């Protein structure tokens, strides 16, 4: 039986000429492209007990599903924290209202920590 380009015990075709040429070097590119970092995160809050955690969805994919789940998980994990849903905060994304206005808006609502965004 002619096995063609198949070697004994292998199910995938083997290109003997490519093997003879040696290792193949590939250049892998990031298909998402470059992006500008606009906001640097602040230092982490060491403990969220007794804190107000604000969830802020920017309208990305499935945040309406993820953020309610996240609110429920945070409430279970940190029972004495107050977790405000994205629907409780009539605040726009920082790109839409400007960084300073966004920071003021979440501070005015008593947020000690903000979880911002979803996928993207």
PDB file of N, CA and C in Angstrom:
ATOM      1  N   UNK A   1       0.850  -1.188   0.000  1.00  0.00           N
ATOM      2  CA  UNK A   1       0.000   0.000   0.000  1.00  0.00           C
ATOM      3  C   UNK A   1       0.883   1.234   0.000  1.00  0.00           C
ATOM      4  N   UNK A   2       0.591   2.165  -0.880  1.00  0.00           N
ATOM      5  CA  UNK A   2       1.361   3.408  -0.974  1.00  0.00           C
ATOM      6  C   UNK A   2       0.841   4.392   0.061  1.00  0.00           C
ATOM      7  N   UNK A   3       1.701   4.805   0.981  1.00  0.00           N
ATOM      8  CA  UNK A   3       1.307   5.743   2.031  1.00  0.00           C
ATOM      9  C   UNK A   3       1.535   7.197   1.618  1.00  0.00           C
ATOM     10  N   UNK A   4       2.076   7.404   0.433  1.00  0.00           N
ATOM     11  CA  UNK A   4       2.311   8.768  -0.047  1.00  0.00           C
ATOM     12  C   UNK A   4       3.254   9.517   0.875  1.00  0.00           C
ATOM     13  N   UNK A   5       2.816  10.643   1.376  1.00  0.00           N
ATOM     14  CA  UNK A   5       3.671  11.477   2.224  1.00  0.00           C
ATOM     15  C   UNK A   5       3.499  11.160   3.704  1.00  0.00           C
ATOM     16  N   UNK A   6       2.825  10.067   4.044  1.00  0.00           N
ATOM     17  CA  UNK A   6       2.621   9.707   5.449  1.00  0.00           C
ATOM     18  C   UNK A   6       3.742   8.789   5.926  1.00  0.00           C
ATOM     19  N   UNK A   7       4.306   9.095   7.063  1.00  0.00           N
ATOM     20  CA  UNK A   7       5.320   8.244   7.683  1.00  0.00           C
ATOM     21  C   UNK A   7       4.627   7.205   8.540  1.00  0.00           C
ATOM     22  N   UNK A   8       5.306   6.153   8.820  1.00  0.00           N
ATOM     23  CA  UNK A   8       4.771   5.071   9.632  1.00  0.00           C
ATOM     24  C   UNK A   8       4.357   5.590  11.008  1.00  0.00           C
ATOM     25  N   UNK A   9       3.114   5.350  11.426  1.00  0.00           N
ATOM     26  CA  UNK A   9       2.642   5.718  12.758  1.00  0.00           C
ATOM     27  C   UNK A   9       2.111   7.136  12.861  1.00  0.00           C
ATOM     28  N   UNK A  10       2.236   7.930  11.829  1.00  0.00           N
ATOM     29  CA  UNK A  10       1.734   9.308  11.875  1.00  0.00           C
ATOM     30  C   UNK A  10       0.470   9.416  11.038  1.00  0.00           C
ATOM     31  N   UNK A  11      -0.443  10.243  11.490  1.00  0.00           N
ATOM     32  CA  UNK A  11      -1.672  10.429  10.729  1.00  0.00           C
ATOM     33  C   UNK A  11      -1.665  11.738   9.952  1.00  0.00           C
ATOM     34  N   UNK A  12      -0.705  12.608  10.223  1.00  0.00           N
ATOM     35  CA  UNK A  12      -0.634  13.895   9.524  1.00  0.00           C
ATOM     36  C   UNK A  12       0.416  13.813   8.419  1.00  0.00           C
ATOM     37  N   UNK A  13       0.213  14.533   7.327  1.00  0.00           N
ATOM     38  CA  UNK A  13       1.204  14.504   6.251  1.00  0.00           C
ATOM     39  C   UNK A  13       2.533  15.098   6.727  1.00  0.00           C
ATOM     40  N   UNK A  14       3.629  14.552   6.224  1.00  0.00           N
ATOM     41  CA  UNK A  14       4.964  15.033   6.568  1.00  0.00           C
ATOM     42  C   UNK A  14       5.618  15.548   5.299  1.00  0.00           C
ATOM     43  N   UNK A  15       6.088  16.769   5.338  1.00  0.00           N
ATOM     44  CA  UNK A  15       6.788  17.348   4.204  1.00  0.00           C
ATOM     45  C   UNK A  15       8.282  17.158   4.445  1.00  0.00           C
ATOM     46  N   UNK A  16       8.860  16.138   3.807  1.00  0.00           N
ATOM     47  CA  UNK A  16      10.265  15.793   4.042  1.00  0.00           C
ATOM     48  C   UNK A  16      11.203  16.908   3.588  1.00  0.00           C
ATOM     49  N   UNK A  17      10.844  17.642   2.535  1.00  0.00           N
ATOM     50  CA  UNK A  17      11.700  18.740   2.061  1.00  0.00           C
ATOM     51  C   UNK A  17      11.769  19.849   3.104  1.00  0.00           C
ATOM     52  N   UNK A  18      10.633  20.178   3.723  1.00  0.00           N
ATOM     53  CA  UNK A  18      10.618  21.230   4.751  1.00  0.00           C
ATOM     54  C   UNK A  18      11.422  20.798   5.965  1.00  0.00           C
ATOM     55  N   UNK A  19      11.341  19.527   6.327  1.00  0.00           N
ATOM     56  CA  UNK A  19      12.100  19.021   7.468  1.00  0.00           C
ATOM     57  C   UNK A  19      13.591  19.114   7.174  1.00  0.00           C
ATOM     58  N   UNK A  20      13.979  18.796   5.964  1.00  0.00           N
ATOM     59  CA  UNK A  20      15.391  18.840   5.588  1.00  0.00           C
ATOM     60  C   UNK A  20      15.951  20.255   5.641  1.00  0.00           C
ATOM     61  N   UNK A  21      15.105  21.269   5.433  1.00  0.00           N
ATOM     62  CA  UNK A  21      15.561  22.660   5.462  1.00  0.00           C
ATOM     63  C   UNK A  21      15.821  23.150   6.881  1.00  0.00           C
ATOM     64  N   UNK A  22      15.330  22.487   7.878  1.00  0.00           N
ATOM     65  CA  UNK A  22      15.563  22.869   9.266  1.00  0.00           C
ATOM     66  C   UNK A  22      14.353  23.556   9.868  1.00  0.00           C
ATOM     67  N   UNK A  23      14.534  24.099  11.090  1.00  0.00           N
ATOM     68  CA  UNK A  23      13.411  24.723  11.800  1.00  0.00           C
ATOM     69  C   UNK A  23      12.818  25.900  11.021  1.00  0.00           C
ATOM     70  N   UNK A  24      11.555  26.088  11.218  1.00  0.00           N
ATOM     71  CA  UNK A  24      10.829  27.179  10.583  1.00  0.00           C
ATOM     72  C   UNK A  24      10.678  28.309  11.592  1.00  0.00           C
ATOM     73  N   UNK A  25      10.995  29.514  11.203  1.00  0.00           N
ATOM     74  CA  UNK A  25      10.839  30.677  12.083  1.00  0.00           C
ATOM     75  C   UNK A  25       9.613  31.463  11.624  1.00  0.00           C
ATOM     76  N   UNK A  26       8.683  31.694  12.566  1.00  0.00           N
ATOM     77  CA  UNK A  26       7.466  32.437  12.266  1.00  0.00           C
ATOM     78  C   UNK A  26       7.458  33.750  13.017  1.00  0.00           C
ATOM     79  N   UNK A  27       6.936  34.776  12.401  1.00  0.00           N
ATOM     80  CA  UNK A  27       6.726  36.054  13.075  1.00  0.00           C
ATOM     81  C   UNK A  27       5.235  36.160  13.359  1.00  0.00           C
ATOM     82  N   UNK A  28       4.875  36.329  14.623  1.00  0.00           N
ATOM     83  CA  UNK A  28       3.479  36.389  15.028  1.00  0.00           C
ATOM     84  C   UNK A  28       3.142  37.828  15.379  1.00  0.00           C
ATOM     85  N   UNK A  29       2.072  38.324  14.812  1.00  0.00           N
ATOM     86  CA  UNK A  29       1.640  39.699  15.050  1.00  0.00           C
ATOM     87  C   UNK A  29       0.370  39.715  15.874  1.00  0.00           C
ATOM     88  N   UNK A  30       0.187  40.764  16.659  1.00  0.00           N
ATOM     89  CA  UNK A  30      -1.031  40.936  17.436  1.00  0.00           C
ATOM     90  C   UNK A  30      -2.087  41.547  16.524  1.00  0.00           C
ATOM     91  N   UNK A  31      -3.165  40.827  16.230  1.00  0.00           N
ATOM     92  CA  UNK A  31      -4.167  41.343  15.292  1.00  0.00           C
ATOM     93  C   UNK A  31      -5.001  42.504  15.845  1.00  0.00           C
ATOM     94  N   UNK A  32      -4.926  42.729  17.149  1.00  0.00           N
ATOM     95  CA  UNK A  32      -5.735  43.813  17.712  1.00  0.00           C
ATOM     96  C   UNK A  32      -5.110  45.178  17.479  1.00  0.00           C
ATOM     97  N   UNK A  33      -3.854  45.217  17.108  1.00  0.00           N
ATOM     98  CA  UNK A  33      -3.202  46.487  16.827  1.00  0.00           C
ATOM     99  C   UNK A  33      -2.728  47.188  18.089  1.00  0.00           C
ATOM    100  N   UNK A  34      -2.065  48.295  17.891  1.00  0.00           N
ATOM    101  CA  UNK A  34      -1.550  49.079  19.016  1.00  0.00           C
ATOM    102  C   UNK A  34      -2.658  49.972  19.571  1.00  0.00           C
ATOM    103  N   UNK A  35      -2.522  50.344  20.830  1.00  0.00           N
ATOM    104  CA  UNK A  35      -3.481  51.249  21.426  1.00  0.00           C
ATOM    105  C   UNK A  35      -2.759  52.158  22.406  1.00  0.00           C
ATOM    106  N   UNK A  36      -3.340  53.291  22.620  1.00  0.00           N
ATOM    107  CA  UNK A  36      -2.778  54.278  23.531  1.00  0.00           C
ATOM    108  C   UNK A  36      -3.350  54.071  24.928  1.00  0.00           C
ATOM    109  N   UNK A  37      -2.483  54.021  25.927  1.00  0.00           N
ATOM    110  CA  UNK A  37      -2.925  53.924  27.313  1.00  0.00           C
ATOM    111  C   UNK A  37      -3.296  55.332  27.759  1.00  0.00           C
ATOM    112  N   UNK A  38      -4.574  55.536  28.066  1.00  0.00           N
ATOM    113  CA  UNK A  38      -5.064  56.864  28.437  1.00  0.00           C
ATOM    114  C   UNK A  38      -5.144  57.059  29.939  1.00  0.00           C
ATOM    115  N   UNK A  39      -5.389  55.958  30.679  1.00  0.00           N
ATOM    116  CA  UNK A  39      -5.583  56.060  32.120  1.00  0.00           C
ATOM    117  C   UNK A  39      -4.727  55.024  32.826  1.00  0.00           C
ATOM    118  N   UNK A  40      -3.940  55.461  33.758  1.00  0.00           N
ATOM    119  CA  UNK A  40      -3.164  54.526  34.565  1.00  0.00           C
ATOM    120  C   UNK A  40      -3.979  54.171  35.793  1.00  0.00           C
ATOM    121  N   UNK A  41      -4.015  52.890  36.141  1.00  0.00           N
ATOM    122  CA  UNK A  41      -4.782  52.513  37.330  1.00  0.00           C
ATOM    123  C   UNK A  41      -4.097  53.029  38.591  1.00  0.00           C
ATOM    124  N   UNK A  42      -4.904  53.287  39.578  1.00  0.00           N
ATOM    125  CA  UNK A  42      -4.376  53.708  40.865  1.00  0.00           C
ATOM    126  C   UNK A  42      -3.926  52.467  41.631  1.00  0.00           C
ATOM    127  N   UNK A  43      -3.326  52.655  42.773  1.00  0.00           N
ATOM    128  CA  UNK A  43      -2.912  51.504  43.571  1.00  0.00           C
ATOM    129  C   UNK A  43      -4.157  50.755  44.051  1.00  0.00           C
ATOM    130  N   UNK A  44      -3.999  49.475  44.299  1.00  0.00           N
ATOM    131  CA  UNK A  44      -5.126  48.649  44.739  1.00  0.00           C
ATOM    132  C   UNK A  44      -5.530  49.003  46.160  1.00  0.00           C
ATOM    133  N   UNK A  45      -6.821  48.950  46.404  1.00  0.00           N
ATOM    134  CA  UNK A  45      -7.346  49.115  47.753  1.00  0.00           C
ATOM    135  C   UNK A  45      -7.046  47.814  48.495  1.00  0.00           C
ATOM    136  N   UNK A  46      -6.317  47.890  49.619  1.00  0.00           N
ATOM    137  CA  UNK A  46      -5.897  46.655  50.282  1.00  0.00           C
ATOM    138  C   UNK A  46      -7.045  45.799  50.815  1.00  0.00           C
ATOM    139  N   UNK A  47      -8.162  46.411  51.191  1.00  0.00           N
ATOM    140  CA  UNK A  47      -9.279  45.661  51.761  1.00  0.00           C
ATOM    141  C   UNK A  47     -10.576  46.337  51.338  1.00  0.00           C
ATOM    142  N   UNK A  48     -11.509  45.575  50.824  1.00  0.00           N
ATOM    143  CA  UNK A  48     -12.778  46.138  50.363  1.00  0.00           C
ATOM    144  C   UNK A  48     -13.896  46.018  51.386  1.00  0.00           C
ATOM    145  N   UNK A  49     -13.593  45.497  52.564  1.00  0.00           N
ATOM    146  CA  UNK A  49     -14.613  45.385  53.607  1.00  0.00           C
ATOM    147  C   UNK A  49     -15.100  46.769  54.006  1.00  0.00           C
ATOM    148  N   UNK A  50     -16.419  46.945  54.027  1.00  0.00           N
ATOM    149  CA  UNK A  50     -17.007  48.215  54.406  1.00  0.00           C
ATOM    150  C   UNK A  50     -16.900  49.304  53.350  1.00  0.00           C
ATOM    151  N   UNK A  51     -16.381  48.975  52.191  1.00  0.00           N
ATOM    152  CA  UNK A  51     -16.192  49.963  51.116  1.00  0.00           C
ATOM    153  C   UNK A  51     -17.389  49.962  50.169  1.00  0.00           C
ATOM    154  N   UNK A  52     -17.497  51.035  49.411  1.00  0.00           N
ATOM    155  CA  UNK A  52     -18.495  51.116  48.344  1.00  0.00           C
ATOM    156  C   UNK A  52     -17.789  50.825  47.031  1.00  0.00           C
ATOM    157  N   UNK A  53     -18.225  49.751  46.365  1.00  0.00           N
ATOM    158  CA  UNK A  53     -17.644  49.330  45.096  1.00  0.00           C
ATOM    159  C   UNK A  53     -18.649  49.670  43.997  1.00  0.00           C
ATOM    160  N   UNK A  54     -18.224  50.457  43.055  1.00  0.00           N
ATOM    161  CA  UNK A  54     -19.114  50.880  41.971  1.00  0.00           C
ATOM    162  C   UNK A  54     -18.753  50.149  40.687  1.00  0.00           C
ATOM    163  N   UNK A  55     -19.752  49.583  40.057  1.00  0.00           N
ATOM    164  CA  UNK A  55     -19.574  48.892  38.785  1.00  0.00           C
ATOM    165  C   UNK A  55     -19.959  49.851  37.670  1.00  0.00           C
ATOM    166  N   UNK A  56     -19.101  50.002  36.687  1.00  0.00           N
ATOM    167  CA  UNK A  56     -19.352  50.944  35.603  1.00  0.00           C
ATOM    168  C   UNK A  56     -19.176  50.242  34.266  1.00  0.00           C
ATOM    169  N   UNK A  57     -20.269  50.065  33.552  1.00  0.00           N
ATOM    170  CA  UNK A  57     -20.246  49.425  32.234  1.00  0.00           C
ATOM    171  C   UNK A  57     -20.194  50.497  31.163  1.00  0.00           C
ATOM    172  N   UNK A  58     -19.313  50.318  30.194  1.00  0.00           N
ATOM    173  CA  UNK A  58     -19.174  51.292  29.113  1.00  0.00           C
ATOM    174  C   UNK A  58     -20.011  50.936  27.895  1.00  0.00           C
ATOM    175  N   UNK A  59     -20.828  49.891  27.999  1.00  0.00           N
ATOM    176  CA  UNK A  59     -21.702  49.529  26.887  1.00  0.00           C
ATOM    177  C   UNK A  59     -21.129  48.441  26.003  1.00  0.00           C
ATOM    178  N   UNK A  60     -20.000  47.845  26.374  1.00  0.00           N
ATOM    179  CA  UNK A  60     -19.378  46.783  25.587  1.00  0.00           C
ATOM    180  C   UNK A  60     -20.169  45.488  25.658  1.00  0.00           C
ATOM    181  N   UNK A  61     -19.670  44.497  24.998  1.00  0.00           N
ATOM    182  CA  UNK A  61     -20.346  43.222  24.787  1.00  0.00           C
ATOM    183  C   UNK A  61     -20.733  42.539  26.095  1.00  0.00           C
ATOM    184  N   UNK A  62     -22.006  42.286  26.278  1.00  0.00           N
ATOM    185  CA  UNK A  62     -22.604  41.458  27.326  1.00  0.00           C
ATOM    186  C   UNK A  62     -22.381  41.946  28.762  1.00  0.00           C
ATOM    187  N   UNK A  63     -22.113  43.214  28.928  1.00  0.00           N
ATOM    188  CA  UNK A  63     -21.992  43.754  30.275  1.00  0.00           C
ATOM    189  C   UNK A  63     -23.283  43.651  31.052  1.00  0.00           C
ATOM    190  N   UNK A  64     -24.411  43.677  30.339  1.00  0.00           N
ATOM    191  CA  UNK A  64     -25.709  43.535  30.990  1.00  0.00           C
ATOM    192  C   UNK A  64     -25.875  42.153  31.620  1.00  0.00           C
ATOM    193  N   UNK A  65     -25.061  41.193  31.204  1.00  0.00           N
ATOM    194  CA  UNK A  65     -25.070  39.857  31.794  1.00  0.00           C
ATOM    195  C   UNK A  65     -23.962  39.740  32.849  1.00  0.00           C
ATOM    196  N   UNK A  66     -22.790  40.204  32.511  1.00  0.00           N
ATOM    197  CA  UNK A  66     -21.614  40.033  33.373  1.00  0.00           C
ATOM    198  C   UNK A  66     -21.711  40.856  34.651  1.00  0.00           C
ATOM    199  N   UNK A  67     -22.103  42.131  34.545  1.00  0.00           N
ATOM    200  CA  UNK A  67     -22.088  42.991  35.731  1.00  0.00           C
ATOM    201  C   UNK A  67     -23.078  42.573  36.818  1.00  0.00           C
ATOM    202  N   UNK A  68     -24.295  42.139  36.507  1.00  0.00           N
ATOM    203  CA  UNK A  68     -25.151  41.622  37.579  1.00  0.00           C
ATOM    204  C   UNK A  68     -24.545  40.381  38.261  1.00  0.00           C
ATOM    205  N   UNK A  69     -23.913  39.509  37.472  1.00  0.00           N
ATOM    206  CA  UNK A  69     -23.238  38.350  38.049  1.00  0.00           C
ATOM    207  C   UNK A  69     -22.091  38.807  38.954  1.00  0.00           C
ATOM    208  N   UNK A  70     -21.303  39.774  38.486  1.00  0.00           N
ATOM    209  CA  UNK A  70     -20.184  40.296  39.268  1.00  0.00           C
ATOM    210  C   UNK A  70     -20.671  40.941  40.563  1.00  0.00           C
ATOM    211  N   UNK A  71     -21.771  41.683  40.487  1.00  0.00           N
ATOM    212  CA  UNK A  71     -22.336  42.302  41.687  1.00  0.00           C
ATOM    213  C   UNK A  71     -22.737  41.230  42.701  1.00  0.00           C
ATOM    214  N   UNK A  72     -23.378  40.186  42.231  1.00  0.00           N
ATOM    215  CA  UNK A  72     -23.805  39.091  43.110  1.00  0.00           C
ATOM    216  C   UNK A  72     -22.591  38.392  43.725  1.00  0.00           C
ATOM    217  N   UNK A  73     -21.567  38.128  42.931  1.00  0.00           N
ATOM    218  CA  UNK A  73     -20.366  37.444  43.424  1.00  0.00           C
ATOM    219  C   UNK A  73     -19.635  38.307  44.457  1.00  0.00           C
ATOM    220  N   UNK A  74     -19.514  39.606  44.205  1.00  0.00           N
ATOM    221  CA  UNK A  74     -18.846  40.495  45.161  1.00  0.00           C
ATOM    222  C   UNK A  74     -19.635  40.605  46.464  1.00  0.00           C
ATOM    223  N   UNK A  75     -20.952  40.663  46.351  1.00  0.00           N
ATOM    224  CA  UNK A  75     -21.807  40.763  47.542  1.00  0.00           C
ATOM    225  C   UNK A  75     -21.668  39.513  48.411  1.00  0.00           C
ATOM    226  N   UNK A  76     -21.568  38.353  47.766  1.00  0.00           N
ATOM    227  CA  UNK A  76     -21.374  37.111  48.528  1.00  0.00           C
ATOM    228  C   UNK A  76     -19.992  37.046  49.161  1.00  0.00           C
ATOM    229  N   UNK A  77     -18.987  37.490  48.409  1.00  0.00           N
ATOM    230  CA  UNK A  77     -17.602  37.376  48.892  1.00  0.00           C
ATOM    231  C   UNK A  77     -17.267  38.418  49.948  1.00  0.00           C
ATOM    232  N   UNK A  78     -17.827  39.615  49.817  1.00  0.00           N
ATOM    233  CA  UNK A  78     -17.549  40.709  50.758  1.00  0.00           C
ATOM    234  C   UNK A  78     -18.896  41.245  51.253  1.00  0.00           C
ATOM    235  N   UNK A  79     -19.547  40.551  52.194  1.00  0.00           N
ATOM    236  CA  UNK A  79     -20.914  40.895  52.598  1.00  0.00           C
ATOM    237  C   UNK A  79     -21.086  42.306  53.162  1.00  0.00           C
ATOM    238  N   UNK A  80     -20.042  42.855  53.793  1.00  0.00           N
ATOM    239  CA  UNK A  80     -20.214  44.185  54.371  1.00  0.00           C
ATOM    240  C   UNK A  80     -19.795  45.309  53.423  1.00  0.00           C
ATOM    241  N   UNK A  81     -19.517  44.977  52.168  1.00  0.00           N
ATOM    242  CA  UNK A  81     -19.255  46.002  51.162  1.00  0.00           C
ATOM    243  C   UNK A  81     -20.573  46.382  50.494  1.00  0.00           C
ATOM    244  N   UNK A  82     -20.661  47.614  50.075  1.00  0.00           N
ATOM    245  CA  UNK A  82     -21.824  48.082  49.326  1.00  0.00           C
ATOM    246  C   UNK A  82     -21.423  48.057  47.846  1.00  0.00           C
ATOM    247  N   UNK A  83     -22.139  47.284  47.041  1.00  0.00           N
ATOM    248  CA  UNK A  83     -21.812  47.153  45.624  1.00  0.00           C
ATOM    249  C   UNK A  83     -22.916  47.810  44.811  1.00  0.00           C
ATOM    250  N   UNK A  84     -22.571  48.892  44.141  1.00  0.00           N
ATOM    251  CA  UNK A  84     -23.542  49.622  43.322  1.00  0.00           C
ATOM    252  C   UNK A  84     -23.493  49.109  41.888  1.00  0.00           C
ATOM    253  N   UNK A  85     -24.650  48.756  41.356  1.00  0.00           N
ATOM    254  CA  UNK A  85     -24.747  48.281  39.972  1.00  0.00           C
ATOM    255  C   UNK A  85     -24.486  49.425  39.000  1.00  0.00           C
ATOM    256  N   UNK A  86     -24.094  49.064  37.792  1.00  0.00           N
ATOM    257  CA  UNK A  86     -23.878  50.097  36.770  1.00  0.00           C
ATOM    258  C   UNK A  86     -25.157  50.885  36.510  1.00  0.00           C
ATOM    259  N   UNK A  87     -26.318  50.281  36.747  1.00  0.00           N
ATOM    260  CA  UNK A  87     -27.587  50.979  36.542  1.00  0.00           C
ATOM    261  C   UNK A  87     -27.864  51.999  37.646  1.00  0.00           C
ATOM    262  N   UNK A  88     -27.140  51.885  38.766  1.00  0.00           N
ATOM    263  CA  UNK A  88     -27.288  52.845  39.870  1.00  0.00           C
ATOM    264  C   UNK A  88     -26.455  54.103  39.660  1.00  0.00           C
ATOM    265  N   UNK A  89     -25.583  54.076  38.676  1.00  0.00           N
ATOM    266  CA  UNK A  89     -24.665  55.194  38.444  1.00  0.00           C
ATOM    267  C   UNK A  89     -24.934  55.830  37.083  1.00  0.00           C
ATOM    268  N   UNK A  90     -25.614  56.928  37.053  1.00  0.00           N
ATOM    269  CA  UNK A  90     -25.841  57.591  35.760  1.00  0.00           C
ATOM    270  C   UNK A  90     -24.589  58.352  35.320  1.00  0.00           C
ATOM    271  N   UNK A  91     -23.508  57.596  35.175  1.00  0.00           N
ATOM    272  CA  UNK A  91     -22.217  58.173  34.815  1.00  0.00           C
ATOM    273  C   UNK A  91     -21.811  57.613  33.468  1.00  0.00           C
ATOM    274  N   UNK A  92     -21.280  58.450  32.609  1.00  0.00           N
ATOM    275  CA  UNK A  92     -20.801  57.995  31.312  1.00  0.00           C
ATOM    276  C   UNK A  92     -19.375  57.475  31.451  1.00  0.00           C
ATOM    277  N   UNK A  93     -18.932  56.799  30.431  1.00  0.00           N
ATOM    278  CA  UNK A  93     -17.555  56.303  30.365  1.00  0.00           C
ATOM    279  C   UNK A  93     -16.593  57.497  30.360  1.00  0.00           C
ATOM    280  N   UNK A  94     -15.398  57.338  30.959  1.00  0.00           N
ATOM    281  CA  UNK A  94     -14.446  58.458  31.004  1.00  0.00           C
ATOM    282  C   UNK A  94     -14.140  59.055  29.637  1.00  0.00           C
ATOM    283  N   UNK A  95     -14.132  58.233  28.591  1.00  0.00           N
ATOM    284  CA  UNK A  95     -13.873  58.765  27.252  1.00  0.00           C
ATOM    285  C   UNK A  95     -14.982  59.704  26.794  1.00  0.00           C
ATOM    286  N   UNK A  96     -16.196  59.516  27.308  1.00  0.00           N
ATOM    287  CA  UNK A  96     -17.334  60.330  26.888  1.00  0.00           C
ATOM    288  C   UNK A  96     -17.464  61.610  27.700  1.00  0.00           C
ATOM    289  N   UNK A  97     -16.955  61.611  28.927  1.00  0.00           N
ATOM    290  CA  UNK A  97     -17.163  62.786  29.775  1.00  0.00           C
ATOM    291  C   UNK A  97     -15.866  63.419  30.251  1.00  0.00           C
ATOM    292  N   UNK A  98     -14.743  62.818  29.947  1.00  0.00           N
ATOM    293  CA  UNK A  98     -13.468  63.356  30.388  1.00  0.00           C
ATOM    294  C   UNK A  98     -13.057  62.746  31.712  1.00  0.00           C
ATOM    295  N   UNK A  99     -11.769  62.552  31.881  1.00  0.00           N
ATOM    296  CA  UNK A  99     -11.254  61.858  33.058  1.00  0.00           C
ATOM    297  C   UNK A  99     -11.580  62.577  34.354  1.00  0.00           C
ATOM    298  N   UNK A 100     -11.353  63.879  34.408  1.00  0.00           N
ATOM    299  CA  UNK A 100     -11.596  64.621  35.656  1.00  0.00           C
ATOM    300  C   UNK A 100     -13.071  64.601  36.042  1.00  0.00           C
ATOM    301  N   UNK A 101     -13.947  64.772  35.061  1.00  0.00           N
ATOM    302  CA  UNK A 101     -15.385  64.757  35.337  1.00  0.00           C
ATOM    303  C   UNK A 101     -15.827  63.362  35.797  1.00  0.00           C
ATOM    304  N   UNK A 102     -15.235  62.322  35.214  1.00  0.00           N
ATOM    305  CA  UNK A 102     -15.565  60.956  35.609  1.00  0.00           C
ATOM    306  C   UNK A 102     -15.143  60.701  37.052  1.00  0.00           C
ATOM    307  N   UNK A 103     -13.924  61.075  37.401  1.00  0.00           N
ATOM    308  CA  UNK A 103     -13.422  60.874  38.767  1.00  0.00           C
ATOM    309  C   UNK A 103     -14.304  61.625  39.758  1.00  0.00           C
ATOM    310  N   UNK A 104     -14.672  62.856  39.435  1.00  0.00           N
ATOM    311  CA  UNK A 104     -15.534  63.641  40.322  1.00  0.00           C
ATOM    312  C   UNK A 104     -16.896  62.956  40.486  1.00  0.00           C
ATOM    313  N   UNK A 105     -17.458  62.464  39.391  1.00  0.00           N
ATOM    314  CA  UNK A 105     -18.786  61.831  39.430  1.00  0.00           C
ATOM    315  C   UNK A 105     -18.780  60.586  40.322  1.00  0.00           C
ATOM    316  N   UNK A 106     -17.756  59.738  40.204  1.00  0.00           N
ATOM    317  CA  UNK A 106     -17.748  58.530  41.033  1.00  0.00           C
ATOM    318  C   UNK A 106     -17.421  58.862  42.490  1.00  0.00           C
ATOM    319  N   UNK A 107     -16.604  59.876  42.712  1.00  0.00           N
ATOM    320  CA  UNK A 107     -16.336  60.299  44.094  1.00  0.00           C
ATOM    321  C   UNK A 107     -17.588  60.892  44.727  1.00  0.00           C
ATOM    322  N   UNK A 108     -18.339  61.684  43.948  1.00  0.00           N
ATOM    323  CA  UNK A 108     -19.581  62.273  44.452  1.00  0.00           C
ATOM    324  C   UNK A 108     -20.599  61.197  44.849  1.00  0.00           C
ATOM    325  N   UNK A 109     -20.523  60.034  44.244  1.00  0.00           N
ATOM    326  CA  UNK A 109     -21.439  58.936  44.561  1.00  0.00           C
ATOM    327  C   UNK A 109     -20.893  58.053  45.680  1.00  0.00           C
ATOM    328  N   UNK A 110     -19.739  58.420  46.233  1.00  0.00           N
ATOM    329  CA  UNK A 110     -19.187  57.699  47.377  1.00  0.00           C
ATOM    330  C   UNK A 110     -18.435  56.430  47.035  1.00  0.00           C
ATOM    331  N   UNK A 111     -17.984  56.305  45.812  1.00  0.00           N
ATOM    332  CA  UNK A 111     -17.273  55.098  45.394  1.00  0.00           C
ATOM    333  C   UNK A 111     -15.857  55.080  45.974  1.00  0.00           C
ATOM    334  N   UNK A 112     -15.534  54.001  46.675  1.00  0.00           N
ATOM    335  CA  UNK A 112     -14.165  53.790  47.141  1.00  0.00           C
ATOM    336  C   UNK A 112     -13.354  53.042  46.110  1.00  0.00           C
ATOM    337  N   UNK A 113     -14.027  52.239  45.288  1.00  0.00           N
ATOM    338  CA  UNK A 113     -13.393  51.469  44.233  1.00  0.00           C
ATOM    339  C   UNK A 113     -14.344  51.404  43.053  1.00  0.00           C
ATOM    340  N   UNK A 114     -13.798  51.367  41.851  1.00  0.00           N
ATOM    341  CA  UNK A 114     -14.610  51.292  40.635  1.00  0.00           C
ATOM    342  C   UNK A 114     -14.097  50.153  39.778  1.00  0.00           C
ATOM    343  N   UNK A 115     -15.000  49.300  39.326  1.00  0.00           N
ATOM    344  CA  UNK A 115     -14.688  48.292  38.327  1.00  0.00           C
ATOM    345  C   UNK A 115     -15.300  48.797  37.030  1.00  0.00           C
ATOM    346  N   UNK A 116     -14.439  49.112  36.086  1.00  0.00           N
ATOM    347  CA  UNK A 116     -14.857  49.795  34.866  1.00  0.00           C
ATOM    348  C   UNK A 116     -14.653  48.910  33.660  1.00  0.00           C
ATOM    349  N   UNK A 117     -15.638  48.878  32.787  1.00  0.00           N
ATOM    350  CA  UNK A 117     -15.486  48.241  31.495  1.00  0.00           C
ATOM    351  C   UNK A 117     -15.981  46.817  31.439  1.00  0.00           C
ATOM    352  N   UNK A 118     -15.856  46.249  30.256  1.00  0.00           N
ATOM    353  CA  UNK A 118     -16.207  44.853  30.032  1.00  0.00           C
ATOM    354  C   UNK A 118     -15.743  44.484  28.638  1.00  0.00           C
ATOM    355  N   UNK A 119     -14.867  43.505  28.570  1.00  0.00           N
ATOM    356  CA  UNK A 119     -14.354  43.015  27.286  1.00  0.00           C
ATOM    357  C   UNK A 119     -13.876  44.173  26.422  1.00  0.00           C
ATOM    358  N   UNK A 120     -14.233  44.154  25.172  1.00  0.00           N
ATOM    359  CA  UNK A 120     -13.863  45.267  24.316  1.00  0.00           C
ATOM    360  C   UNK A 120     -12.995  44.890  23.176  1.00  0.00           C
TER     361      UNK A 120
END
